[in-house]
Amino acid sequence: MLIGGVILIVNLSNSEDYYGSSTYGECQINDDCESGGCGSEICGSKAESPLLSTCEGYDEPTPKMLNYQCACVNQKCQWYK
């Protein structure tokens, strides 16, 4: 959802092994990507900044807790291990 030029991501869906999401924003290199959100659970393009989420408790670990990297894979920012 875009509000006043700020991307707001709410109600993130859980994958099978972590609480987080990828925006699949365009990138050329890893430095084009960044993590954001209250728990750094969102991976997206720096062009989409800021990446925001609500601060809620969750039972699953975040991608960073499981050593995933927010990286440029196939020209899309996404969590990668």
N, C-alpha and C. Protein backbone atom coordinates (compact mmCIF):
# COMPACT_ATOMS: atom_id res chain seq x y z
N MET A 1 0.85 -1.16 0.00
CA MET A 1 0.00 0.00 0.00
C MET A 1 0.90 1.23 0.00
N LEU A 2 0.62 2.21 -0.85
CA LEU A 2 1.41 3.43 -0.94
C LEU A 2 0.62 4.57 -0.31
N ILE A 3 1.18 5.20 0.70
CA ILE A 3 0.54 6.32 1.37
C ILE A 3 1.51 7.49 1.36
N GLY A 4 1.18 8.54 0.63
CA GLY A 4 2.02 9.73 0.60
C GLY A 4 3.47 9.45 0.26
N GLY A 5 3.72 8.54 -0.68
CA GLY A 5 5.09 8.24 -1.08
C GLY A 5 5.81 7.28 -0.16
N VAL A 6 5.12 6.76 0.85
CA VAL A 6 5.73 5.81 1.79
C VAL A 6 5.07 4.46 1.59
N ILE A 7 5.86 3.42 1.43
CA ILE A 7 5.31 2.07 1.29
C ILE A 7 5.00 1.54 2.68
N LEU A 8 3.77 1.12 2.87
CA LEU A 8 3.34 0.57 4.15
C LEU A 8 2.95 -0.88 3.92
N ILE A 9 3.61 -1.78 4.59
CA ILE A 9 3.29 -3.20 4.47
C ILE A 9 2.74 -3.66 5.80
N VAL A 10 1.53 -4.20 5.76
CA VAL A 10 0.90 -4.70 6.98
C VAL A 10 0.43 -6.13 6.75
N ASN A 11 0.13 -6.81 7.83
CA ASN A 11 -0.34 -8.18 7.76
C ASN A 11 0.56 -9.06 6.89
N LEU A 12 1.82 -9.09 7.21
CA LEU A 12 2.78 -9.89 6.46
C LEU A 12 2.43 -11.36 6.59
N SER A 13 2.46 -12.06 5.48
CA SER A 13 2.16 -13.48 5.53
C SER A 13 3.41 -14.26 5.92
N ASN A 14 3.21 -15.32 6.62
CA ASN A 14 4.33 -16.15 7.08
C ASN A 14 4.70 -17.17 6.02
N SER A 15 5.98 -17.38 5.85
CA SER A 15 6.42 -18.49 5.01
C SER A 15 6.45 -19.71 5.91
N GLU A 16 6.98 -20.79 5.41
CA GLU A 16 7.01 -22.00 6.23
C GLU A 16 7.99 -21.90 7.39
N ASP A 17 9.05 -21.08 7.26
CA ASP A 17 10.07 -21.12 8.30
C ASP A 17 10.45 -19.77 8.90
N TYR A 18 9.89 -18.67 8.45
CA TYR A 18 10.18 -17.38 9.08
C TYR A 18 9.06 -16.38 8.88
N TYR A 19 9.06 -15.37 9.76
CA TYR A 19 8.10 -14.29 9.66
C TYR A 19 8.77 -13.16 8.87
N GLY A 20 8.32 -12.92 7.66
CA GLY A 20 8.91 -11.86 6.85
C GLY A 20 8.37 -11.88 5.45
N SER A 21 8.86 -10.95 4.63
CA SER A 21 8.42 -10.87 3.25
C SER A 21 9.48 -10.19 2.40
N SER A 22 9.35 -10.37 1.10
CA SER A 22 10.20 -9.72 0.12
C SER A 22 9.29 -8.90 -0.80
N THR A 23 9.72 -7.71 -1.16
CA THR A 23 8.93 -6.89 -2.08
C THR A 23 9.25 -7.20 -3.53
N TYR A 24 10.39 -7.85 -3.77
CA TYR A 24 10.87 -8.16 -5.11
C TYR A 24 11.08 -6.90 -5.95
N GLY A 25 11.49 -5.82 -5.26
CA GLY A 25 11.83 -4.58 -5.95
C GLY A 25 13.03 -4.78 -6.86
N GLU A 26 13.13 -3.97 -7.89
CA GLU A 26 14.21 -4.12 -8.86
C GLU A 26 15.56 -3.74 -8.28
N CYS A 27 16.61 -4.46 -8.73
CA CYS A 27 17.97 -4.21 -8.28
C CYS A 27 18.95 -4.69 -9.33
N GLN A 28 20.17 -4.22 -9.22
CA GLN A 28 21.26 -4.69 -10.07
C GLN A 28 22.33 -5.41 -9.25
N ILE A 29 22.56 -4.91 -8.01
CA ILE A 29 23.56 -5.47 -7.11
C ILE A 29 22.97 -5.56 -5.71
N ASN A 30 23.61 -6.31 -4.82
CA ASN A 30 23.11 -6.47 -3.45
C ASN A 30 22.96 -5.14 -2.72
N ASP A 31 23.83 -4.18 -3.01
CA ASP A 31 23.75 -2.88 -2.34
C ASP A 31 22.50 -2.10 -2.70
N ASP A 32 21.76 -2.53 -3.71
CA ASP A 32 20.50 -1.88 -4.08
C ASP A 32 19.36 -2.32 -3.16
N CYS A 33 19.62 -3.33 -2.32
CA CYS A 33 18.59 -3.91 -1.45
C CYS A 33 18.86 -3.57 0.01
N GLU A 34 17.78 -3.55 0.80
CA GLU A 34 17.91 -3.31 2.24
C GLU A 34 16.76 -3.97 2.97
N SER A 35 16.98 -4.23 4.24
CA SER A 35 15.90 -4.77 5.07
C SER A 35 15.27 -3.63 5.84
N GLY A 36 14.00 -3.79 6.15
CA GLY A 36 13.27 -2.76 6.88
C GLY A 36 12.14 -3.39 7.66
N GLY A 37 11.30 -2.54 8.20
CA GLY A 37 10.21 -3.00 9.05
C GLY A 37 10.63 -2.96 10.50
N CYS A 38 9.68 -3.08 11.37
CA CYS A 38 9.95 -2.99 12.80
C CYS A 38 10.97 -4.01 13.27
N GLY A 39 10.89 -5.25 12.73
CA GLY A 39 11.82 -6.30 13.11
C GLY A 39 12.80 -6.65 12.00
N SER A 40 12.99 -5.73 11.06
CA SER A 40 13.85 -5.98 9.88
C SER A 40 13.41 -7.23 9.13
N GLU A 41 12.08 -7.43 9.05
CA GLU A 41 11.55 -8.63 8.43
C GLU A 41 11.20 -8.45 6.94
N ILE A 42 11.35 -7.23 6.41
CA ILE A 42 11.03 -6.96 5.02
C ILE A 42 12.31 -6.75 4.22
N CYS A 43 12.41 -7.39 3.07
CA CYS A 43 13.53 -7.19 2.16
C CYS A 43 13.00 -6.49 0.92
N GLY A 44 13.60 -5.37 0.58
CA GLY A 44 13.15 -4.63 -0.60
C GLY A 44 14.22 -3.75 -1.18
N SER A 45 13.90 -3.09 -2.26
CA SER A 45 14.82 -2.19 -2.94
C SER A 45 14.93 -0.87 -2.18
N LYS A 46 16.13 -0.30 -2.17
CA LYS A 46 16.32 1.01 -1.54
C LYS A 46 15.46 2.07 -2.22
N ALA A 47 15.11 1.85 -3.49
CA ALA A 47 14.23 2.78 -4.21
C ALA A 47 12.83 2.79 -3.62
N GLU A 48 12.47 1.77 -2.86
CA GLU A 48 11.15 1.67 -2.23
C GLU A 48 11.14 2.24 -0.81
N SER A 49 12.26 2.69 -0.32
CA SER A 49 12.39 3.14 1.06
C SER A 49 11.42 4.26 1.37
N PRO A 50 10.99 4.37 2.61
CA PRO A 50 11.27 3.45 3.71
C PRO A 50 10.33 2.24 3.69
N LEU A 51 10.83 1.11 4.14
CA LEU A 51 10.04 -0.11 4.27
C LEU A 51 9.51 -0.16 5.70
N LEU A 52 8.21 -0.07 5.85
CA LEU A 52 7.59 0.04 7.18
C LEU A 52 6.66 -1.13 7.44
N SER A 53 6.53 -1.48 8.70
CA SER A 53 5.55 -2.49 9.12
C SER A 53 5.07 -2.15 10.52
N THR A 54 3.98 -2.78 10.91
CA THR A 54 3.50 -2.59 12.27
C THR A 54 4.39 -3.40 13.21
N CYS A 55 4.49 -2.96 14.44
CA CYS A 55 5.32 -3.65 15.44
C CYS A 55 4.43 -4.56 16.26
N GLU A 56 4.39 -5.82 15.86
CA GLU A 56 3.57 -6.81 16.54
C GLU A 56 4.43 -7.97 16.96
N GLY A 57 4.01 -8.66 17.98
CA GLY A 57 4.73 -9.87 18.38
C GLY A 57 4.47 -10.97 17.37
N TYR A 58 5.43 -11.86 17.22
CA TYR A 58 5.26 -12.98 16.30
C TYR A 58 6.00 -14.18 16.86
N ASP A 59 5.51 -15.36 16.51
CA ASP A 59 6.06 -16.59 17.05
C ASP A 59 7.25 -17.11 16.25
N GLU A 60 7.26 -16.84 14.95
CA GLU A 60 8.33 -17.34 14.09
C GLU A 60 9.54 -16.42 14.14
N PRO A 61 10.73 -16.95 13.87
CA PRO A 61 11.92 -16.09 13.80
C PRO A 61 11.88 -15.23 12.54
N THR A 62 12.59 -14.11 12.57
CA THR A 62 12.72 -13.28 11.38
C THR A 62 13.78 -13.87 10.46
N PRO A 63 13.81 -13.46 9.19
CA PRO A 63 14.82 -13.98 8.27
C PRO A 63 16.25 -13.79 8.77
N LYS A 64 16.55 -12.63 9.33
CA LYS A 64 17.91 -12.38 9.81
C LYS A 64 18.29 -13.32 10.94
N MET A 65 17.32 -13.69 11.79
CA MET A 65 17.60 -14.63 12.87
C MET A 65 18.03 -15.99 12.32
N LEU A 66 17.59 -16.30 11.09
CA LEU A 66 17.92 -17.58 10.45
C LEU A 66 19.04 -17.43 9.43
N ASN A 67 19.75 -16.30 9.51
CA ASN A 67 20.90 -16.03 8.64
C ASN A 67 20.56 -15.85 7.16
N TYR A 68 19.34 -15.41 6.87
CA TYR A 68 19.01 -15.02 5.50
C TYR A 68 19.60 -13.64 5.25
N GLN A 69 19.92 -13.36 4.02
CA GLN A 69 20.44 -12.05 3.62
C GLN A 69 19.44 -11.39 2.69
N CYS A 70 19.24 -10.10 2.84
CA CYS A 70 18.43 -9.34 1.90
C CYS A 70 19.35 -9.06 0.71
N ALA A 71 19.10 -9.71 -0.42
CA ALA A 71 20.04 -9.68 -1.53
C ALA A 71 19.33 -9.52 -2.87
N CYS A 72 20.12 -9.16 -3.88
CA CYS A 72 19.64 -9.03 -5.25
C CYS A 72 19.81 -10.38 -5.93
N VAL A 73 18.69 -11.05 -6.18
CA VAL A 73 18.69 -12.36 -6.83
C VAL A 73 17.82 -12.25 -8.08
N ASN A 74 18.42 -12.51 -9.24
CA ASN A 74 17.69 -12.39 -10.51
C ASN A 74 17.06 -11.01 -10.67
N GLN A 75 17.79 -9.98 -10.26
CA GLN A 75 17.41 -8.57 -10.37
C GLN A 75 16.17 -8.22 -9.55
N LYS A 76 15.93 -8.97 -8.47
CA LYS A 76 14.82 -8.71 -7.55
C LYS A 76 15.35 -8.82 -6.12
N CYS A 77 15.03 -7.84 -5.28
CA CYS A 77 15.43 -7.89 -3.88
C CYS A 77 14.57 -8.92 -3.15
N GLN A 78 15.24 -9.86 -2.47
CA GLN A 78 14.52 -10.90 -1.76
C GLN A 78 15.43 -11.56 -0.73
N TRP A 79 14.80 -12.24 0.22
CA TRP A 79 15.57 -12.98 1.22
C TRP A 79 16.22 -14.16 0.53
N TYR A 80 17.49 -14.40 0.87
CA TYR A 80 18.27 -15.44 0.21
C TYR A 80 19.19 -16.09 1.24
N LYS A 81 19.34 -17.38 1.15
CA LYS A 81 20.21 -18.11 2.07
C LYS A 81 21.16 -18.97 1.29
